[in-house]
N, C-alpha and C. Protein backbone atom coordinates (compact mmCIF):
# COMPACT_ATOMS: atom_id res chain seq x y z
N MET A 1 0.40 -1.04 -0.31
CA MET A 1 0.08 0.24 -0.09
C MET A 1 0.70 1.02 -0.12
N ASP A 2 0.42 2.11 -0.55
CA ASP A 2 1.21 3.43 -0.73
C ASP A 2 0.94 4.21 0.14
N VAL A 3 1.90 4.94 0.59
CA VAL A 3 1.50 6.18 1.93
C VAL A 3 1.98 7.50 1.52
N ARG A 4 1.38 8.41 1.29
CA ARG A 4 1.65 9.58 0.93
C ARG A 4 1.33 10.74 2.72
N ILE A 5 2.37 11.19 2.89
CA ILE A 5 2.25 12.28 4.24
C ILE A 5 2.82 13.33 4.07
N GLY A 6 1.91 14.65 3.82
CA GLY A 6 2.72 16.02 3.62
C GLY A 6 2.69 16.47 5.05
N VAL A 7 3.77 17.50 4.76
CA VAL A 7 4.19 17.95 6.25
C VAL A 7 4.52 19.55 5.92
N THR A 8 3.90 20.03 6.99
CA THR A 8 3.99 21.44 6.63
C THR A 8 5.64 22.02 6.65
N GLN A 9 5.36 23.39 6.07
CA GLN A 9 6.87 24.09 5.73
C GLN A 9 7.87 22.98 5.14
N ALA A 10 7.43 21.80 4.21
CA ALA A 10 8.41 21.04 3.40
C ALA A 10 7.84 21.15 2.13
N ALA A 11 8.59 21.23 1.08
CA ALA A 11 8.33 21.76 -0.34
C ALA A 11 8.05 20.19 -0.74
N ARG A 12 8.18 19.05 -0.50
CA ARG A 12 7.84 17.92 -0.68
C ARG A 12 6.85 17.07 0.22
N GLU A 13 6.77 16.05 -0.17
CA GLU A 13 5.79 15.21 0.84
C GLU A 13 6.55 13.91 1.06
N LEU A 14 6.27 13.21 1.90
CA LEU A 14 7.32 11.97 2.09
C LEU A 14 6.29 10.94 1.28
N SER A 15 6.71 9.94 0.70
CA SER A 15 6.10 8.99 -0.09
C SER A 15 7.28 7.80 -0.28
N PHE A 16 6.06 6.37 0.28
CA PHE A 16 6.79 5.24 0.74
C PHE A 16 5.75 4.43 0.35
N GLU A 17 6.11 2.89 0.62
CA GLU A 17 5.05 1.67 0.81
C GLU A 17 5.51 1.32 2.15
N VAL A 18 4.09 0.64 2.47
CA VAL A 18 3.93 -0.47 3.98
C VAL A 18 3.17 -1.82 3.07
N ALA A 19 3.39 -2.83 4.12
CA ALA A 19 2.33 -3.95 4.23
C ALA A 19 1.20 -3.61 3.67
N ASP A 20 0.18 -4.29 3.01
CA ASP A 20 -1.39 -3.88 2.95
C ASP A 20 -2.25 -4.57 4.38
N SER A 21 -1.01 -5.57 5.36
CA SER A 21 -1.97 -5.97 6.09
C SER A 21 -1.62 -4.59 7.57
N ASP A 22 -0.75 -4.14 7.42
CA ASP A 22 -0.52 -3.00 8.34
C ASP A 22 -1.70 -1.49 8.22
N ARG A 23 -2.60 -1.45 7.29
CA ARG A 23 -3.22 -0.77 7.00
C ARG A 23 -4.24 -0.46 8.61
N ASP A 24 -4.70 -1.12 9.03
CA ASP A 24 -5.68 -0.98 9.95
C ASP A 24 -4.78 -0.10 11.32
N GLU A 25 -3.46 -0.66 11.44
CA GLU A 25 -2.67 -0.30 12.58
C GLU A 25 -2.15 1.44 12.26
N LEU A 26 -2.08 1.36 11.12
CA LEU A 26 -1.34 2.79 10.73
C LEU A 26 -2.60 3.70 10.59
N VAL A 27 -3.80 3.43 10.40
CA VAL A 27 -4.42 4.21 10.36
C VAL A 27 -4.65 4.60 12.09
N SER A 28 -4.74 3.74 12.88
CA SER A 28 -4.89 3.84 13.88
C SER A 28 -3.65 4.65 14.61
N ARG A 29 -2.58 4.79 14.43
CA ARG A 29 -1.21 5.69 14.16
C ARG A 29 -1.45 7.04 13.90
N VAL A 30 -2.26 7.22 13.20
CA VAL A 30 -2.54 8.03 12.32
C VAL A 30 -3.36 9.24 13.12
N GLU A 31 -4.35 8.72 13.53
CA GLU A 31 -5.72 9.17 14.37
C GLU A 31 -4.95 9.43 15.70
N ALA A 32 -4.31 8.90 16.30
CA ALA A 32 -3.60 8.69 17.42
C ALA A 32 -2.60 10.23 17.48
N ALA A 33 -2.04 10.29 16.47
CA ALA A 33 -1.02 11.28 16.45
C ALA A 33 -1.76 12.57 15.89
N LEU A 34 -2.84 12.86 15.17
CA LEU A 34 -3.75 13.86 14.79
C LEU A 34 -4.67 14.45 15.84
N SER A 35 -4.86 13.47 16.80
CA SER A 35 -5.51 14.01 17.94
C SER A 35 -4.52 14.34 19.58
N GLY A 36 -3.23 14.33 19.08
CA GLY A 36 -2.61 14.70 20.02
C GLY A 36 -2.43 13.20 21.06
N ALA A 37 -2.64 12.68 20.96
CA ALA A 37 -2.32 11.26 21.91
C ALA A 37 -0.97 10.81 21.70
N THR A 38 0.18 11.38 20.45
CA THR A 38 1.34 11.11 20.58
C THR A 38 1.88 11.75 19.87
N ASP A 39 3.22 12.44 20.07
CA ASP A 39 4.04 13.56 19.67
C ASP A 39 4.43 13.03 18.61
N VAL A 40 4.86 11.67 17.90
CA VAL A 40 5.76 11.69 16.97
C VAL A 40 5.02 10.52 15.90
N LEU A 41 4.80 10.63 14.97
CA LEU A 41 4.34 9.06 14.03
C LEU A 41 5.38 8.59 13.38
N TRP A 42 5.44 7.43 13.97
CA TRP A 42 6.70 6.56 13.52
C TRP A 42 5.84 5.37 12.74
N VAL A 43 6.30 5.46 11.33
CA VAL A 43 6.02 4.40 10.21
C VAL A 43 7.02 3.54 9.84
N ASN A 44 7.41 2.05 9.68
CA ASN A 44 8.20 1.14 8.91
C ASN A 44 7.70 1.03 7.97
N ASP A 45 8.77 1.06 6.67
CA ASP A 45 8.18 0.78 5.56
C ASP A 45 8.79 -0.45 4.70
N ARG A 46 8.30 -1.34 3.68
CA ARG A 46 8.83 -2.57 3.51
C ARG A 46 9.79 -2.71 3.30
N ARG A 47 11.11 -1.87 3.20
CA ARG A 47 12.19 -1.96 3.15
C ARG A 47 12.84 -2.13 4.22
N GLY A 48 12.03 -1.90 5.33
CA GLY A 48 12.57 -1.65 7.31
C GLY A 48 13.19 -0.56 7.36
N ARG A 49 13.06 0.65 6.61
CA ARG A 49 13.16 2.08 7.39
C ARG A 49 12.30 2.19 8.14
N SER A 50 12.83 3.02 8.70
CA SER A 50 11.43 3.86 9.91
C SER A 50 11.90 5.10 9.44
N VAL A 51 10.52 5.53 9.45
CA VAL A 51 10.12 7.48 8.94
C VAL A 51 9.33 8.07 10.42
N ALA A 52 10.01 8.96 10.84
CA ALA A 52 9.38 9.91 11.84
C ALA A 52 9.27 10.93 11.50
N VAL A 53 7.57 11.71 11.63
CA VAL A 53 6.91 12.58 11.80
C VAL A 53 6.61 13.28 12.45
N PRO A 54 6.71 14.45 13.25
CA PRO A 54 6.12 15.21 14.36
C PRO A 54 4.69 15.24 13.96
N SER A 55 4.40 14.69 15.29
CA SER A 55 2.51 15.32 14.89
C SER A 55 2.20 16.64 14.76
N THR A 56 2.65 17.42 14.57
CA THR A 56 2.47 18.77 14.71
C THR A 56 2.44 19.30 13.11
N LYS A 57 3.37 18.75 12.86
CA LYS A 57 3.79 18.90 11.25
C LYS A 57 3.33 18.33 10.30
N ILE A 58 2.53 17.20 10.42
CA ILE A 58 1.57 16.71 9.56
C ILE A 58 0.17 17.64 8.84
N ALA A 59 0.52 17.53 7.66
CA ALA A 59 -0.53 18.27 6.98
C ALA A 59 -1.83 17.49 6.31
N TYR A 60 -1.24 16.39 5.74
CA TYR A 60 -2.20 15.63 5.38
C TYR A 60 -1.66 13.95 5.16
N VAL A 61 -2.31 12.96 5.11
CA VAL A 61 -1.99 11.48 5.24
C VAL A 61 -3.16 11.15 3.67
N GLU A 62 -2.60 10.35 2.75
CA GLU A 62 -3.33 9.32 1.96
C GLU A 62 -2.52 8.17 1.96
N LEU A 63 -3.47 7.07 2.21
CA LEU A 63 -3.38 5.75 2.07
C LEU A 63 -3.93 5.13 0.76
N GLY A 64 -3.43 4.23 0.19
CA GLY A 64 -3.63 3.49 -1.25
C GLY A 64 -2.88 3.13 -2.01
N SER A 65 -3.49 2.39 -2.96
CA SER A 65 -2.50 2.48 -3.93
C SER A 65 -2.37 3.33 -5.13
N PRO A 66 -1.60 3.41 -6.16
CA PRO A 66 -1.78 4.56 -6.76
C PRO A 66 -2.54 3.96 -7.93
N GLU A 67 -3.11 5.03 -8.68
CA GLU A 67 -4.25 4.89 -9.69
C GLU A 67 -3.48 4.06 -10.98
N GLU A 68 -4.14 3.22 -11.67
CA GLU A 68 -3.72 2.54 -12.95
C GLU A 68 -2.91 3.48 -13.98
N ARG A 69 -2.27 3.64 -14.27
CA ARG A 69 -2.12 5.07 -15.52
C ARG A 69 -2.06 4.46 -16.52
N ARG A 70 -2.80 4.86 -17.81
CA ARG A 70 -2.97 4.16 -19.20
C ARG A 70 -1.81 4.78 -20.24
N ILE A 71 -1.10 4.63 -20.90
CA ILE A 71 -0.27 4.97 -21.82
C ILE A 71 -1.01 4.66 -23.58
N GLY A 72 -0.65 6.03 -23.79
CA GLY A 72 -1.51 5.73 -25.17
C GLY A 72 -2.52 6.09 -25.74
N PHE A 73 -3.07 5.82 -26.45
CA PHE A 73 -4.65 6.52 -26.99
C PHE A 73 -6.16 5.33 -26.40
N GLY A 74 -5.52 4.77 -25.66
CA GLY A 74 -6.86 3.71 -24.96
C GLY A 74 -7.48 4.41 -24.23
N GLY A 75 -8.70 3.92 -24.02
CA GLY A 75 -9.81 4.59 -23.42
C GLY A 75 -9.51 4.14 -21.71
């Protein structure tokens, strides 16, 4: 599953992949971070890297797979 996190005061967003089975856990972590229950949102991606985002700097979070892009003249 693709994850995109917008960070305030940053020109680019964070983009990485996590396992599809981690969706519910990630949603609960994001909700906790946005409600102020935690100060930092930690996410582990598929490659084993850990990403930390301060809760006060989160602008938005998008979860899901990218849309299928078609190339050429197909409909």
